[in-house]
Amino acid sequence: MSKITTFLMFDGQAEEAMNLYTSIFENSEIKHIVKYGANDGDLEGKVLNAVFSLNGQTLMCIDSSVKHDFTFTPSISLYVTCETEEEIDRVFGKLSEGGSVLMPLAAYPFSKKFGWLTDPFGVSWQLNLASHA
């Protein structure tokens, strides 16, 4: 079967986003990055294409060369199961800084601790504390 990889399209902040994400999650790294060159005008230094991993999960991203009338939507989000309260508090705090909270980090009927946010780049994240934690 073909591999399915999450793909994120940014508007000039792909490298900044990857750096934030890989600094938050363990076992994470930028695996491959190609940037626009000197002949690419305003795009020089921006991400042409990149592959990175977050705790072993591979994602891809770009800085779009075209301005679009759309961006990320909370309808699709990255869902993270956190193993400890310290982890969910830390990750929620770092990702929500400069972003917006859609559901505050709290107990809900479906979870003893859950939060939903968009980060400063507009990417939506759902964080859930593991039921065994």
C-alpha atoms as a PDB file:
ATOM      1  CA  MET A   1       0.000   0.000   0.000  1.00  0.00           C
ATOM      2  CA  SER A   2       1.132   3.545  -0.669  1.00  0.00           C
ATOM      3  CA  LYS A   3       2.489   5.530   2.278  1.00  0.00           C
ATOM      4  CA  ILE A   4       0.282   8.359   3.537  1.00  0.00           C
ATOM      5  CA  THR A   5       2.082  11.410   4.929  1.00  0.00           C
ATOM      6  CA  THR A   6       0.643  14.573   6.468  1.00  0.00           C
ATOM      7  CA  PHE A   7       1.520  17.571   4.267  1.00  0.00           C
ATOM      8  CA  LEU A   8       1.504  21.155   5.570  1.00  0.00           C
ATOM      9  CA  MET A   9       1.576  24.220   3.296  1.00  0.00           C
ATOM     10  CA  PHE A  10       2.838  27.390   4.933  1.00  0.00           C
ATOM     11  CA  ASP A  11       3.005  30.964   3.713  1.00  0.00           C
ATOM     12  CA  GLY A  12       6.659  31.679   4.451  1.00  0.00           C
ATOM     13  CA  GLN A  13       7.026  30.193   7.946  1.00  0.00           C
ATOM     14  CA  ALA A  14       7.645  26.487   7.259  1.00  0.00           C
ATOM     15  CA  GLU A  15      11.157  26.420   8.710  1.00  0.00           C
ATOM     16  CA  GLU A  16      10.109  28.370  11.795  1.00  0.00           C
ATOM     17  CA  ALA A  17       7.201  25.959  12.332  1.00  0.00           C
ATOM     18  CA  MET A  18       9.404  22.872  11.913  1.00  0.00           C
ATOM     19  CA  ASN A  19      11.925  24.292  14.381  1.00  0.00           C
ATOM     20  CA  LEU A  20       9.175  24.887  16.956  1.00  0.00           C
ATOM     21  CA  TYR A  21       7.598  21.464  16.511  1.00  0.00           C
ATOM     22  CA  THR A  22      10.887  19.537  16.628  1.00  0.00           C
ATOM     23  CA  SER A  23      11.910  21.447  19.778  1.00  0.00           C
ATOM     24  CA  ILE A  24       8.704  20.393  21.576  1.00  0.00           C
ATOM     25  CA  PHE A  25       8.455  16.686  20.780  1.00  0.00           C
ATOM     26  CA  GLU A  26      11.100  14.092  21.654  1.00  0.00           C
ATOM     27  CA  ASN A  27      12.561  11.865  18.925  1.00  0.00           C
ATOM     28  CA  SER A  28      11.966  14.632  16.357  1.00  0.00           C
ATOM     29  CA  GLU A  29      14.136  16.079  13.616  1.00  0.00           C
ATOM     30  CA  ILE A  30      14.215  17.905  10.313  1.00  0.00           C
ATOM     31  CA  LYS A  31      15.252  15.107   7.969  1.00  0.00           C
ATOM     32  CA  HIS A  32      15.480  16.934   4.660  1.00  0.00           C
ATOM     33  CA  ILE A  33      15.110  20.542   3.601  1.00  0.00           C
ATOM     34  CA  VAL A  34      15.505  22.224   0.217  1.00  0.00           C
ATOM     35  CA  LYS A  35      15.219  25.996   0.026  1.00  0.00           C
ATOM     36  CA  TYR A  36      14.431  28.329  -2.820  1.00  0.00           C
ATOM     37  CA  GLY A  37      17.599  29.816  -4.316  1.00  0.00           C
ATOM     38  CA  ALA A  38      18.890  33.236  -5.297  1.00  0.00           C
ATOM     39  CA  ASN A  39      17.098  33.081  -8.658  1.00  0.00           C
ATOM     40  CA  ASP A  40      13.721  32.646  -6.970  1.00  0.00           C
ATOM     41  CA  GLY A  41      13.216  36.306  -5.986  1.00  0.00           C
ATOM     42  CA  ASP A  42      11.190  36.909  -2.823  1.00  0.00           C
ATOM     43  CA  LEU A  43      11.123  33.176  -2.117  1.00  0.00           C
ATOM     44  CA  GLU A  44      14.898  32.939  -1.607  1.00  0.00           C
ATOM     45  CA  GLY A  45      15.650  31.085   1.606  1.00  0.00           C
ATOM     46  CA  LYS A  46      12.066  29.838   2.018  1.00  0.00           C
ATOM     47  CA  VAL A  47      11.249  26.107   2.062  1.00  0.00           C
ATOM     48  CA  LEU A  48      10.789  24.564  -1.372  1.00  0.00           C
ATOM     49  CA  ASN A  49      10.175  21.181   0.272  1.00  0.00           C
ATOM     50  CA  ALA A  50      11.028  19.538   3.553  1.00  0.00           C
ATOM     51  CA  VAL A  51      10.523  16.332   5.486  1.00  0.00           C
ATOM     52  CA  PHE A  52      10.536  16.245   9.274  1.00  0.00           C
ATOM     53  CA  SER A  53       9.487  13.847  11.994  1.00  0.00           C
ATOM     54  CA  LEU A  54       7.675  14.377  15.276  1.00  0.00           C
ATOM     55  CA  ASN A  55       8.215  11.515  17.691  1.00  0.00           C
ATOM     56  CA  GLY A  56       8.837   9.232  14.724  1.00  0.00           C
ATOM     57  CA  GLN A  57       5.800  10.410  12.682  1.00  0.00           C
ATOM     58  CA  THR A  58       6.885  11.739   9.275  1.00  0.00           C
ATOM     59  CA  LEU A  59       5.406  14.971   7.922  1.00  0.00           C
ATOM     60  CA  MET A  60       6.164  17.061   4.842  1.00  0.00           C
ATOM     61  CA  CYS A  61       5.890  20.814   4.328  1.00  0.00           C
ATOM     62  CA  ILE A  62       6.507  23.685   1.941  1.00  0.00           C
ATOM     63  CA  ASP A  63       6.301  27.443   1.764  1.00  0.00           C
ATOM     64  CA  SER A  64       3.811  27.992  -1.038  1.00  0.00           C
ATOM     65  CA  SER A  65       5.124  29.948  -4.001  1.00  0.00           C
ATOM     66  CA  VAL A  66       1.577  31.143  -4.660  1.00  0.00           C
ATOM     67  CA  LYS A  67      -0.594  33.280  -2.360  1.00  0.00           C
ATOM     68  CA  HIS A  68      -3.831  31.454  -1.610  1.00  0.00           C
ATOM     69  CA  ASP A  69      -7.133  32.664  -0.194  1.00  0.00           C
ATOM     70  CA  PHE A  70      -7.073  29.806   2.310  1.00  0.00           C
ATOM     71  CA  THR A  71      -4.943  28.542   5.157  1.00  0.00           C
ATOM     72  CA  PHE A  72      -5.209  25.812   7.778  1.00  0.00           C
ATOM     73  CA  THR A  73      -8.574  24.957   9.294  1.00  0.00           C
ATOM     74  CA  PRO A  74      -9.340  23.243  12.621  1.00  0.00           C
ATOM     75  CA  SER A  75     -11.450  20.715  10.690  1.00  0.00           C
ATOM     76  CA  ILE A  76      -8.247  18.698  10.299  1.00  0.00           C
ATOM     77  CA  SER A  77      -5.830  18.616  13.192  1.00  0.00           C
ATOM     78  CA  LEU A  78      -2.793  16.804  14.502  1.00  0.00           C
ATOM     79  CA  TYR A  79      -3.935  14.594  17.390  1.00  0.00           C
ATOM     80  CA  VAL A  80      -1.382  13.903  20.111  1.00  0.00           C
ATOM     81  CA  THR A  81      -1.821  11.447  22.974  1.00  0.00           C
ATOM     82  CA  CYS A  82       0.357  12.659  25.837  1.00  0.00           C
ATOM     83  CA  GLU A  83       1.637  10.150  28.383  1.00  0.00           C
ATOM     84  CA  THR A  84       1.839  12.462  31.415  1.00  0.00           C
ATOM     85  CA  GLU A  85       0.188  15.590  32.808  1.00  0.00           C
ATOM     86  CA  GLU A  86       3.548  17.379  32.643  1.00  0.00           C
ATOM     87  CA  GLU A  87       3.799  16.564  28.937  1.00  0.00           C
ATOM     88  CA  ILE A  88       0.290  17.728  28.016  1.00  0.00           C
ATOM     89  CA  ASP A  89       0.721  20.942  30.047  1.00  0.00           C
ATOM     90  CA  ARG A  90       4.120  21.673  28.462  1.00  0.00           C
ATOM     91  CA  VAL A  91       3.063  20.909  24.871  1.00  0.00           C
ATOM     92  CA  PHE A  92      -0.222  22.818  25.180  1.00  0.00           C
ATOM     93  CA  GLY A  93       1.582  25.811  26.630  1.00  0.00           C
ATOM     94  CA  LYS A  94       4.242  25.939  23.927  1.00  0.00           C
ATOM     95  CA  LEU A  95       1.912  25.340  20.976  1.00  0.00           C
ATOM     96  CA  SER A  96      -0.786  27.761  22.141  1.00  0.00           C
ATOM     97  CA  GLU A  97       1.685  30.606  22.754  1.00  0.00           C
ATOM     98  CA  GLY A  98       0.896  33.099  19.992  1.00  0.00           C
ATOM     99  CA  GLY A  99      -1.958  30.890  18.750  1.00  0.00           C
ATOM    100  CA  SER A 100      -5.556  30.512  19.890  1.00  0.00           C
ATOM    101  CA  VAL A 101      -7.268  28.080  22.237  1.00  0.00           C
ATOM    102  CA  LEU A 102     -10.318  26.347  20.751  1.00  0.00           C
ATOM    103  CA  MET A 103     -11.019  24.186  23.828  1.00  0.00           C
ATOM    104  CA  PRO A 104      -9.135  24.959  27.058  1.00  0.00           C
ATOM    105  CA  LEU A 105      -6.999  22.278  28.636  1.00  0.00           C
ATOM    106  CA  ALA A 106      -9.495  20.670  31.039  1.00  0.00           C
ATOM    107  CA  ALA A 107     -11.466  17.560  31.953  1.00  0.00           C
ATOM    108  CA  TYR A 108     -14.268  16.673  29.517  1.00  0.00           C
ATOM    109  CA  PRO A 109     -16.790  13.795  29.477  1.00  0.00           C
ATOM    110  CA  PHE A 110     -14.607  12.001  26.904  1.00  0.00           C
ATOM    111  CA  SER A 111     -11.210  12.691  28.544  1.00  0.00           C
ATOM    112  CA  LYS A 112      -9.754  13.444  31.961  1.00  0.00           C
ATOM    113  CA  LYS A 113      -7.563  16.124  30.308  1.00  0.00           C
ATOM    114  CA  PHE A 114      -7.900  17.449  26.755  1.00  0.00           C
ATOM    115  CA  GLY A 115      -7.180  20.660  24.875  1.00  0.00           C
ATOM    116  CA  TRP A 116      -7.606  21.881  21.294  1.00  0.00           C
ATOM    117  CA  LEU A 117      -5.693  24.820  19.857  1.00  0.00           C
ATOM    118  CA  THR A 118      -4.299  26.434  16.768  1.00  0.00           C
ATOM    119  CA  ASP A 119      -0.605  27.264  16.939  1.00  0.00           C
ATOM    120  CA  PRO A 120       0.930  30.588  15.798  1.00  0.00           C
ATOM    121  CA  PHE A 121       1.080  29.236  12.223  1.00  0.00           C
ATOM    122  CA  GLY A 122      -2.614  28.258  12.137  1.00  0.00           C
ATOM    123  CA  VAL A 123      -2.067  24.491  12.441  1.00  0.00           C
ATOM    124  CA  SER A 124      -4.715  22.814  14.605  1.00  0.00           C
ATOM    125  CA  TRP A 125      -3.677  20.427  17.417  1.00  0.00           C
ATOM    126  CA  GLN A 126      -5.778  18.223  19.702  1.00  0.00           C
ATOM    127  CA  LEU A 127      -3.943  17.084  22.840  1.00  0.00           C
ATOM    128  CA  ASN A 128      -5.289  14.284  24.969  1.00  0.00           C
ATOM    129  CA  LEU A 129      -3.923  12.791  28.179  1.00  0.00           C
ATOM    130  CA  ALA A 130      -3.583   9.012  27.851  1.00  0.00           C
ATOM    131  CA  SER A 131      -6.305   7.194  29.770  1.00  0.00           C
ATOM    132  CA  HIS A 132      -3.725   5.202  31.755  1.00  0.00           C
ATOM    133  CA  ALA A 133      -1.841   8.317  32.880  1.00  0.00           C
END
